[in-house]
Amino acid sequence: MSGITLTGDWKRFEKRLHKLSFLNFTGLHKEIGEALRASTQDRFRKETSPDGQKWPKSLRAEADKGKTLTDTARLKNSITYRAGPDGVELGTNLIYASVQQGNKGKETKIKAKSGKWLRFKYGGSWALKKFVTIPARPFIGISEEDIEEIKAIIKDRIEESLK
């Protein structure tokens, strides 16, 4: 009969597998969540999307010589994560976040809920518009650097659990 024969220290192998079964996945996911939250908040400083694209400058940021999406830092500071044994979720509960994030990277048109006009203050004057278009400014996502960081975290936790 032909086949493959494997030899080695099976007891050592079984011990290591057993140690891996005690890996704290919730702790691992918390560490990944913390890294992703920090990376996402850093995008507000850089004004870039996860793929490194610069955000379109907002009219407010141009007028104030400020940063886009960072007037009060409320959106940036709302980024949070939820970690458990099965994974980690990152996001924000602010209702306007999805408009800024964009719909699949596309701009969002905002129309008045009631009435014909949107009324808002811009540059000290009131404006009336039937709609406004908000360009996508993605801030949530996983960058290439995030992927490398996640791999490093997983590698470190596995190595730690095998000691």
N, C-alpha and C. Protein backbone atom coordinates (compact mmCIF):
# COMPACT_ATOMS: atom_id res chain seq x y z
N MET A 1 0.84 -1.18 0.00
CA MET A 1 0.00 0.00 0.00
C MET A 1 0.89 1.25 0.00
N SER A 2 0.58 2.21 -0.88
CA SER A 2 1.36 3.45 -0.91
C SER A 2 0.65 4.50 -0.07
N GLY A 3 1.39 5.45 0.44
CA GLY A 3 0.81 6.49 1.28
C GLY A 3 1.88 7.40 1.83
N ILE A 4 1.50 8.17 2.79
CA ILE A 4 2.40 9.11 3.43
C ILE A 4 2.49 8.75 4.90
N THR A 5 3.68 8.79 5.41
CA THR A 5 3.91 8.54 6.82
C THR A 5 4.42 9.82 7.46
N LEU A 6 3.75 10.26 8.51
CA LEU A 6 4.16 11.45 9.25
C LEU A 6 4.73 11.01 10.58
N THR A 7 5.89 11.53 10.88
CA THR A 7 6.49 11.24 12.17
C THR A 7 6.83 12.55 12.85
N GLY A 8 6.91 12.53 14.14
CA GLY A 8 7.25 13.73 14.87
C GLY A 8 6.81 13.62 16.31
N ASP A 9 6.95 14.70 17.00
CA ASP A 9 6.59 14.77 18.41
C ASP A 9 5.10 15.10 18.51
N TRP A 10 4.25 14.09 18.41
CA TRP A 10 2.81 14.29 18.40
C TRP A 10 2.30 14.79 19.76
N LYS A 11 2.93 14.39 20.82
CA LYS A 11 2.51 14.87 22.15
C LYS A 11 2.69 16.39 22.24
N ARG A 12 3.82 16.87 21.75
CA ARG A 12 4.10 18.32 21.76
C ARG A 12 3.08 19.05 20.88
N PHE A 13 2.81 18.48 19.73
CA PHE A 13 1.84 19.06 18.81
C PHE A 13 0.46 19.13 19.47
N GLU A 14 0.04 18.05 20.12
CA GLU A 14 -1.27 18.02 20.79
C GLU A 14 -1.33 19.04 21.92
N LYS A 15 -0.23 19.20 22.66
CA LYS A 15 -0.17 20.18 23.75
C LYS A 15 -0.37 21.60 23.20
N ARG A 16 0.29 21.87 22.08
CA ARG A 16 0.19 23.21 21.48
C ARG A 16 -1.23 23.46 20.96
N LEU A 17 -1.82 22.47 20.34
CA LEU A 17 -3.20 22.62 19.88
C LEU A 17 -4.13 22.87 21.07
N HIS A 18 -3.89 22.14 22.15
CA HIS A 18 -4.71 22.32 23.35
C HIS A 18 -4.57 23.74 23.89
N LYS A 19 -3.36 24.28 23.91
CA LYS A 19 -3.14 25.64 24.37
C LYS A 19 -3.90 26.65 23.50
N LEU A 20 -3.91 26.40 22.20
CA LEU A 20 -4.63 27.31 21.29
C LEU A 20 -6.13 27.32 21.57
N SER A 21 -6.65 26.22 22.09
CA SER A 21 -8.09 26.17 22.37
C SER A 21 -8.48 27.14 23.48
N PHE A 22 -7.50 27.63 24.25
CA PHE A 22 -7.77 28.59 25.32
C PHE A 22 -7.52 30.04 24.90
N LEU A 23 -7.27 30.25 23.63
CA LEU A 23 -7.04 31.61 23.14
C LEU A 23 -8.26 32.48 23.46
N ASN A 24 -8.04 33.64 24.03
CA ASN A 24 -9.11 34.56 24.42
C ASN A 24 -9.52 35.37 23.18
N PHE A 25 -10.54 34.89 22.48
CA PHE A 25 -10.96 35.57 21.24
C PHE A 25 -11.58 36.93 21.52
N THR A 26 -12.30 37.06 22.62
CA THR A 26 -12.86 38.37 22.94
C THR A 26 -11.74 39.38 23.16
N GLY A 27 -10.72 39.00 23.89
CA GLY A 27 -9.57 39.88 24.10
C GLY A 27 -8.87 40.22 22.80
N LEU A 28 -8.71 39.22 21.94
CA LEU A 28 -8.10 39.43 20.62
C LEU A 28 -8.92 40.44 19.82
N HIS A 29 -10.24 40.26 19.82
CA HIS A 29 -11.11 41.16 19.06
C HIS A 29 -11.13 42.57 19.66
N LYS A 30 -11.00 42.67 20.98
CA LYS A 30 -10.91 44.00 21.60
C LYS A 30 -9.64 44.71 21.14
N GLU A 31 -8.56 43.98 21.08
CA GLU A 31 -7.29 44.58 20.64
C GLU A 31 -7.38 45.03 19.18
N ILE A 32 -8.00 44.22 18.35
CA ILE A 32 -8.20 44.59 16.94
C ILE A 32 -9.13 45.81 16.86
N GLY A 33 -10.21 45.82 17.65
CA GLY A 33 -11.14 46.95 17.67
C GLY A 33 -10.45 48.24 18.07
N GLU A 34 -9.60 48.17 19.06
CA GLU A 34 -8.86 49.35 19.52
C GLU A 34 -7.95 49.87 18.41
N ALA A 35 -7.27 48.95 17.71
CA ALA A 35 -6.38 49.36 16.62
C ALA A 35 -7.18 50.00 15.48
N LEU A 36 -8.33 49.43 15.15
CA LEU A 36 -9.16 49.97 14.07
C LEU A 36 -9.77 51.32 14.46
N ARG A 37 -10.16 51.46 15.72
CA ARG A 37 -10.70 52.75 16.18
C ARG A 37 -9.63 53.83 16.06
N ALA A 38 -8.43 53.53 16.51
CA ALA A 38 -7.33 54.51 16.44
C ALA A 38 -7.02 54.86 14.98
N SER A 39 -7.00 53.86 14.12
CA SER A 39 -6.72 54.09 12.70
C SER A 39 -7.81 54.95 12.06
N THR A 40 -9.06 54.66 12.40
CA THR A 40 -10.18 55.43 11.85
C THR A 40 -10.13 56.88 12.33
N GLN A 41 -9.84 57.08 13.61
CA GLN A 41 -9.74 58.44 14.13
C GLN A 41 -8.57 59.19 13.49
N ASP A 42 -7.51 58.49 13.18
CA ASP A 42 -6.36 59.12 12.52
C ASP A 42 -6.72 59.61 11.12
N ARG A 43 -7.69 58.97 10.48
CA ARG A 43 -8.12 59.41 9.14
C ARG A 43 -8.69 60.83 9.19
N PHE A 44 -9.28 61.21 10.31
CA PHE A 44 -9.81 62.56 10.45
C PHE A 44 -8.67 63.58 10.46
N ARG A 45 -7.54 63.21 11.04
CA ARG A 45 -6.37 64.10 11.04
C ARG A 45 -5.82 64.23 9.63
N LYS A 46 -5.74 63.10 8.92
CA LYS A 46 -5.18 63.08 7.56
C LYS A 46 -6.19 63.49 6.50
N GLU A 47 -7.49 63.47 6.85
CA GLU A 47 -8.58 63.76 5.92
C GLU A 47 -8.53 62.82 4.71
N THR A 48 -8.40 61.52 5.00
CA THR A 48 -8.30 60.52 3.93
C THR A 48 -9.22 59.33 4.20
N SER A 49 -9.58 58.65 3.14
CA SER A 49 -10.38 57.44 3.22
C SER A 49 -9.47 56.24 3.52
N PRO A 50 -10.06 55.09 3.83
CA PRO A 50 -9.24 53.91 4.11
C PRO A 50 -8.30 53.54 2.96
N ASP A 51 -8.67 53.86 1.74
CA ASP A 51 -7.79 53.54 0.60
C ASP A 51 -6.78 54.66 0.30
N GLY A 52 -6.72 55.67 1.19
CA GLY A 52 -5.71 56.71 1.05
C GLY A 52 -6.13 57.91 0.21
N GLN A 53 -7.36 57.91 -0.31
CA GLN A 53 -7.84 59.04 -1.12
C GLN A 53 -8.17 60.23 -0.22
N LYS A 54 -7.77 61.43 -0.65
CA LYS A 54 -8.10 62.65 0.09
C LYS A 54 -9.61 62.89 0.03
N TRP A 55 -10.20 63.32 1.13
CA TRP A 55 -11.62 63.67 1.14
C TRP A 55 -11.82 64.97 0.38
N PRO A 56 -12.95 65.10 -0.32
CA PRO A 56 -13.28 66.41 -0.88
C PRO A 56 -13.43 67.42 0.26
N LYS A 57 -12.85 68.59 0.11
CA LYS A 57 -12.91 69.62 1.15
C LYS A 57 -14.35 70.09 1.31
N SER A 58 -14.78 70.26 2.53
CA SER A 58 -16.13 70.77 2.78
C SER A 58 -16.13 72.29 2.65
N LEU A 59 -17.29 72.86 2.34
CA LEU A 59 -17.41 74.31 2.23
C LEU A 59 -17.07 74.98 3.57
N ARG A 60 -17.52 74.38 4.67
CA ARG A 60 -17.23 74.92 6.00
C ARG A 60 -15.73 74.93 6.27
N ALA A 61 -15.05 73.83 5.93
CA ALA A 61 -13.61 73.76 6.16
C ALA A 61 -12.86 74.78 5.30
N GLU A 62 -13.31 74.97 4.08
CA GLU A 62 -12.69 75.98 3.21
C GLU A 62 -12.88 77.38 3.78
N ALA A 63 -14.11 77.67 4.21
CA ALA A 63 -14.42 79.01 4.73
C ALA A 63 -13.67 79.30 6.03
N ASP A 64 -13.56 78.29 6.90
CA ASP A 64 -12.91 78.47 8.20
C ASP A 64 -11.43 78.13 8.20
N LYS A 65 -10.92 77.69 7.05
CA LYS A 65 -9.54 77.20 6.96
C LYS A 65 -9.31 76.07 7.98
N GLY A 66 -10.35 75.22 8.11
CA GLY A 66 -10.29 74.11 9.07
C GLY A 66 -10.18 72.77 8.37
N LYS A 67 -10.52 71.73 9.10
CA LYS A 67 -10.46 70.38 8.58
C LYS A 67 -11.87 69.88 8.28
N THR A 68 -11.99 69.13 7.21
CA THR A 68 -13.26 68.52 6.84
C THR A 68 -13.64 67.45 7.86
N LEU A 69 -14.90 67.42 8.24
CA LEU A 69 -15.49 66.48 9.21
C LEU A 69 -14.93 66.64 10.63
N THR A 70 -14.28 67.77 10.91
CA THR A 70 -13.66 67.91 12.23
C THR A 70 -13.99 69.26 12.88
N ASP A 71 -15.09 69.86 12.55
CA ASP A 71 -15.43 71.15 13.16
C ASP A 71 -15.54 71.02 14.67
N THR A 72 -16.36 70.09 15.15
CA THR A 72 -16.52 69.87 16.59
C THR A 72 -15.85 68.57 17.04
N ALA A 73 -15.40 67.75 16.12
CA ALA A 73 -14.79 66.44 16.39
C ALA A 73 -15.81 65.44 16.95
N ARG A 74 -17.08 65.77 16.89
CA ARG A 74 -18.12 64.87 17.41
C ARG A 74 -18.13 63.54 16.66
N LEU A 75 -18.06 63.59 15.33
CA LEU A 75 -18.06 62.36 14.53
C LEU A 75 -16.82 61.52 14.84
N LYS A 76 -15.67 62.15 14.82
CA LYS A 76 -14.41 61.45 15.11
C LYS A 76 -14.46 60.79 16.48
N ASN A 77 -14.94 61.51 17.48
CA ASN A 77 -14.97 61.00 18.84
C ASN A 77 -16.08 59.97 19.08
N SER A 78 -17.00 59.86 18.13
CA SER A 78 -18.09 58.88 18.29
C SER A 78 -17.71 57.49 17.80
N ILE A 79 -16.56 57.35 17.17
CA ILE A 79 -16.14 56.05 16.64
C ILE A 79 -15.91 55.10 17.82
N THR A 80 -16.57 53.97 17.76
CA THR A 80 -16.45 52.98 18.83
C THR A 80 -16.47 51.58 18.22
N TYR A 81 -16.21 50.60 19.04
CA TYR A 81 -16.26 49.22 18.57
C TYR A 81 -16.95 48.36 19.61
N ARG A 82 -17.43 47.21 19.15
CA ARG A 82 -18.03 46.21 20.01
C ARG A 82 -17.34 44.89 19.69
N ALA A 83 -16.72 44.29 20.70
CA ALA A 83 -15.97 43.04 20.51
C ALA A 83 -16.62 41.92 21.30
N GLY A 84 -16.58 40.74 20.72
CA GLY A 84 -17.09 39.54 21.38
C GLY A 84 -16.29 38.35 20.91
N PRO A 85 -16.69 37.16 21.31
CA PRO A 85 -15.92 35.96 20.93
C PRO A 85 -15.94 35.68 19.42
N ASP A 86 -16.95 36.17 18.73
CA ASP A 86 -17.10 35.86 17.30
C ASP A 86 -16.61 36.94 16.35
N GLY A 87 -16.24 38.11 16.87
CA GLY A 87 -15.76 39.16 15.97
C GLY A 87 -15.79 40.52 16.61
N VAL A 88 -15.55 41.52 15.78
CA VAL A 88 -15.54 42.91 16.23
C VAL A 88 -16.26 43.76 15.20
N GLU A 89 -17.05 44.72 15.68
CA GLU A 89 -17.75 45.67 14.82
C GLU A 89 -17.25 47.07 15.18
N LEU A 90 -17.07 47.89 14.17
CA LEU A 90 -16.61 49.26 14.36
C LEU A 90 -17.64 50.19 13.72
N GLY A 91 -17.96 51.28 14.37
CA GLY A 91 -18.90 52.21 13.76
C GLY A 91 -19.18 53.40 14.65
N THR A 92 -20.29 54.07 14.33
CA THR A 92 -20.75 55.24 15.07
C THR A 92 -22.27 55.20 15.06
N ASN A 93 -22.88 55.81 16.07
CA ASN A 93 -24.34 55.87 16.11
C ASN A 93 -24.88 57.23 15.68
N LEU A 94 -24.02 58.10 15.17
CA LEU A 94 -24.48 59.41 14.73
C LEU A 94 -25.24 59.29 13.41
N ILE A 95 -26.41 59.88 13.37
CA ILE A 95 -27.31 59.71 12.24
C ILE A 95 -26.73 60.27 10.93
N TYR A 96 -25.92 61.30 11.02
CA TYR A 96 -25.38 61.92 9.80
C TYR A 96 -24.11 61.21 9.28
N ALA A 97 -23.60 60.26 10.03
CA ALA A 97 -22.36 59.58 9.63
C ALA A 97 -22.50 58.88 8.28
N SER A 98 -23.65 58.24 8.05
CA SER A 98 -23.81 57.50 6.80
C SER A 98 -23.81 58.43 5.58
N VAL A 99 -24.26 59.66 5.76
CA VAL A 99 -24.23 60.63 4.66
C VAL A 99 -22.78 60.95 4.31
N GLN A 100 -21.95 61.17 5.33
CA GLN A 100 -20.55 61.48 5.08
C GLN A 100 -19.79 60.27 4.54
N GLN A 101 -20.09 59.10 5.09
CA GLN A 101 -19.43 57.87 4.62
C GLN A 101 -19.75 57.63 3.15
N GLY A 102 -20.97 57.99 2.75
CA GLY A 102 -21.40 57.79 1.37
C GLY A 102 -22.03 56.43 1.18
N ASN A 103 -22.79 56.32 0.14
CA ASN A 103 -23.46 55.08 -0.20
C ASN A 103 -22.59 54.35 -1.22
N LYS A 104 -21.87 53.36 -0.76
CA LYS A 104 -20.95 52.61 -1.62
C LYS A 104 -19.94 53.54 -2.29
N GLY A 105 -19.50 54.55 -1.52
CA GLY A 105 -18.50 55.48 -2.02
C GLY A 105 -19.05 56.57 -2.92
N LYS A 106 -20.37 56.63 -3.05
CA LYS A 106 -21.00 57.63 -3.91
C LYS A 106 -21.54 58.79 -3.07
N GLU A 107 -21.73 59.92 -3.72
CA GLU A 107 -22.29 61.10 -3.06
C GLU A 107 -23.74 60.83 -2.64
N THR A 108 -24.23 61.67 -1.72
CA THR A 108 -25.59 61.55 -1.23
C THR A 108 -26.32 62.86 -1.49
N LYS A 109 -27.54 62.76 -2.03
CA LYS A 109 -28.38 63.94 -2.24
C LYS A 109 -29.34 64.03 -1.07
N ILE A 110 -29.44 65.23 -0.51
CA ILE A 110 -30.34 65.47 0.61
C ILE A 110 -31.42 66.43 0.14
N LYS A 111 -32.68 66.02 0.37
CA LYS A 111 -33.83 66.84 0.01
C LYS A 111 -34.59 67.18 1.29
N ALA A 112 -35.40 68.21 1.21
CA ALA A 112 -36.22 68.60 2.35
C ALA A 112 -37.23 67.49 2.67
N LYS A 113 -37.39 67.18 3.95
CA LYS A 113 -38.38 66.18 4.38
C LYS A 113 -39.78 66.70 4.17
N SER A 114 -39.99 67.94 4.58
CA SER A 114 -41.30 68.57 4.40
C SER A 114 -41.05 69.94 3.79
N GLY A 115 -41.90 70.34 2.92
CA GLY A 115 -41.70 71.61 2.24
C GLY A 115 -40.84 71.42 0.99
N LYS A 116 -40.68 72.52 0.27
CA LYS A 116 -39.95 72.44 -1.00
C LYS A 116 -38.46 72.72 -0.86
N TRP A 117 -38.06 73.36 0.24
CA TRP A 117 -36.70 73.88 0.33
C TRP A 117 -35.97 73.38 1.56
N LEU A 118 -34.67 73.26 1.41
CA LEU A 118 -33.77 73.13 2.54
C LEU A 118 -33.34 74.55 2.88
N ARG A 119 -33.33 74.88 4.13
CA ARG A 119 -32.92 76.22 4.55
C ARG A 119 -31.77 76.06 5.54
N PHE A 120 -30.66 76.69 5.23
CA PHE A 120 -29.50 76.57 6.11
C PHE A 120 -28.64 77.82 5.99
N LYS A 121 -27.82 78.00 7.01
CA LYS A 121 -26.96 79.17 7.05
C LYS A 121 -25.60 78.80 6.46
N TYR A 122 -25.11 79.67 5.59
CA TYR A 122 -23.80 79.46 4.99
C TYR A 122 -23.12 80.80 4.84
N GLY A 123 -21.94 80.93 5.43
CA GLY A 123 -21.17 82.18 5.32
C GLY A 123 -21.90 83.38 5.86
N GLY A 124 -22.69 83.19 6.91
CA GLY A 124 -23.39 84.31 7.53
C GLY A 124 -24.72 84.65 6.89
N SER A 125 -25.07 83.98 5.79
CA SER A 125 -26.34 84.24 5.12
C SER A 125 -27.16 82.96 5.07
N TRP A 126 -28.47 83.13 4.92
CA TRP A 126 -29.35 81.98 4.80
C TRP A 126 -29.47 81.59 3.33
N ALA A 127 -29.47 80.29 3.08
CA ALA A 127 -29.60 79.78 1.71
C ALA A 127 -30.83 78.90 1.63
N LEU A 128 -31.47 78.91 0.46
CA LEU A 128 -32.60 78.02 0.16
C LEU A 128 -32.21 77.16 -1.03
N LYS A 129 -32.30 75.87 -0.88
CA LYS A 129 -31.96 74.94 -1.96
C LYS A 129 -33.00 73.83 -2.00
N LYS A 130 -33.28 73.35 -3.22
CA LYS A 130 -34.18 72.20 -3.36
C LYS A 130 -33.50 70.93 -2.85
N PHE A 131 -32.17 70.86 -3.04
CA PHE A 131 -31.40 69.74 -2.52
C PHE A 131 -29.94 70.16 -2.44
N VAL A 132 -29.17 69.40 -1.67
CA VAL A 132 -27.72 69.58 -1.63
C VAL A 132 -27.09 68.21 -1.87
N THR A 133 -25.93 68.23 -2.45
CA THR A 133 -25.20 67.00 -2.71
C THR A 133 -23.98 66.97 -1.81
N ILE A 134 -23.89 65.91 -1.03
CA ILE A 134 -22.76 65.73 -0.11
C ILE A 134 -21.84 64.67 -0.71
N PRO A 135 -20.59 65.03 -1.03
CA PRO A 135 -19.68 64.03 -1.58
C PRO A 135 -19.33 62.99 -0.51
N ALA A 136 -19.05 61.78 -0.96
CA ALA A 136 -18.65 60.72 -0.03
C ALA A 136 -17.29 61.06 0.56
N ARG A 137 -17.19 60.87 1.85
CA ARG A 137 -15.93 61.04 2.57
C ARG A 137 -15.76 59.83 3.48
N PRO A 138 -15.45 58.68 2.89
CA PRO A 138 -15.38 57.45 3.69
C PRO A 138 -14.33 57.55 4.78
N PHE A 139 -14.73 57.18 5.99
CA PHE A 139 -13.79 57.18 7.11
C PHE A 139 -13.72 55.80 7.76
N ILE A 140 -14.77 55.00 7.62
CA ILE A 140 -14.76 53.64 8.18
C ILE A 140 -14.39 52.66 7.07
N GLY A 141 -13.50 51.76 7.39
CA GLY A 141 -13.04 50.74 6.45
C GLY A 141 -11.70 50.21 6.92
N ILE A 142 -11.19 49.26 6.20
CA ILE A 142 -9.92 48.64 6.57
C ILE A 142 -8.89 48.94 5.49
N SER A 143 -7.84 49.62 5.90
CA SER A 143 -6.76 49.97 4.98
C SER A 143 -5.75 48.84 4.89
N GLU A 144 -4.81 48.97 3.98
CA GLU A 144 -3.72 47.98 3.88
C GLU A 144 -2.92 47.95 5.17
N GLU A 145 -2.69 49.12 5.77
CA GLU A 145 -1.96 49.18 7.04
C GLU A 145 -2.74 48.49 8.15
N ASP A 146 -4.08 48.64 8.12
CA ASP A 146 -4.92 47.97 9.11
C ASP A 146 -4.79 46.46 8.99
N ILE A 147 -4.79 45.96 7.76
CA ILE A 147 -4.66 44.52 7.54
C ILE A 147 -3.35 44.01 8.14
N GLU A 148 -2.27 44.74 7.90
CA GLU A 148 -0.97 44.33 8.45
C GLU A 148 -0.99 44.37 9.98
N GLU A 149 -1.62 45.39 10.54
CA GLU A 149 -1.72 45.50 12.00
C GLU A 149 -2.54 44.34 12.58
N ILE A 150 -3.64 44.00 11.94
CA ILE A 150 -4.48 42.89 12.40
C ILE A 150 -3.70 41.58 12.34
N LYS A 151 -2.97 41.36 11.26
CA LYS A 151 -2.14 40.15 11.15
C LYS A 151 -1.12 40.08 12.27
N ALA A 152 -0.49 41.21 12.58
CA ALA A 152 0.53 41.24 13.64
C ALA A 152 -0.10 40.95 15.00
N ILE A 153 -1.27 41.51 15.25
CA ILE A 153 -1.96 41.27 16.53
C ILE A 153 -2.29 39.78 16.67
N ILE A 154 -2.84 39.18 15.61
CA ILE A 154 -3.20 37.76 15.65
C ILE A 154 -1.95 36.90 15.87
N LYS A 155 -0.91 37.20 15.12
CA LYS A 155 0.35 36.44 15.25
C LYS A 155 0.88 36.52 16.68
N ASP A 156 0.90 37.73 17.25
CA ASP A 156 1.41 37.92 18.61
C ASP A 156 0.57 37.15 19.63
N ARG A 157 -0.76 37.19 19.50
CA ARG A 157 -1.62 36.49 20.45
C ARG A 157 -1.47 34.98 20.34
N ILE A 158 -1.30 34.46 19.12
CA ILE A 158 -1.09 33.01 18.95
C ILE A 158 0.23 32.61 19.57
N GLU A 159 1.29 33.37 19.29
CA GLU A 159 2.60 33.06 19.86
C GLU A 159 2.56 33.12 21.38
N GLU A 160 1.86 34.12 21.90
CA GLU A 160 1.74 34.27 23.35
C GLU A 160 1.02 33.07 23.98
N SER A 161 -0.03 32.60 23.31
CA SER A 161 -0.80 31.49 23.87
C SER A 161 -0.05 30.16 23.79
N LEU A 162 0.92 30.05 22.89
CA LEU A 162 1.67 28.82 22.73
C LEU A 162 2.85 28.72 23.70
N LYS A 163 3.15 29.79 24.43
CA LYS A 163 4.29 29.77 25.37
C LYS A 163 4.00 28.85 26.53
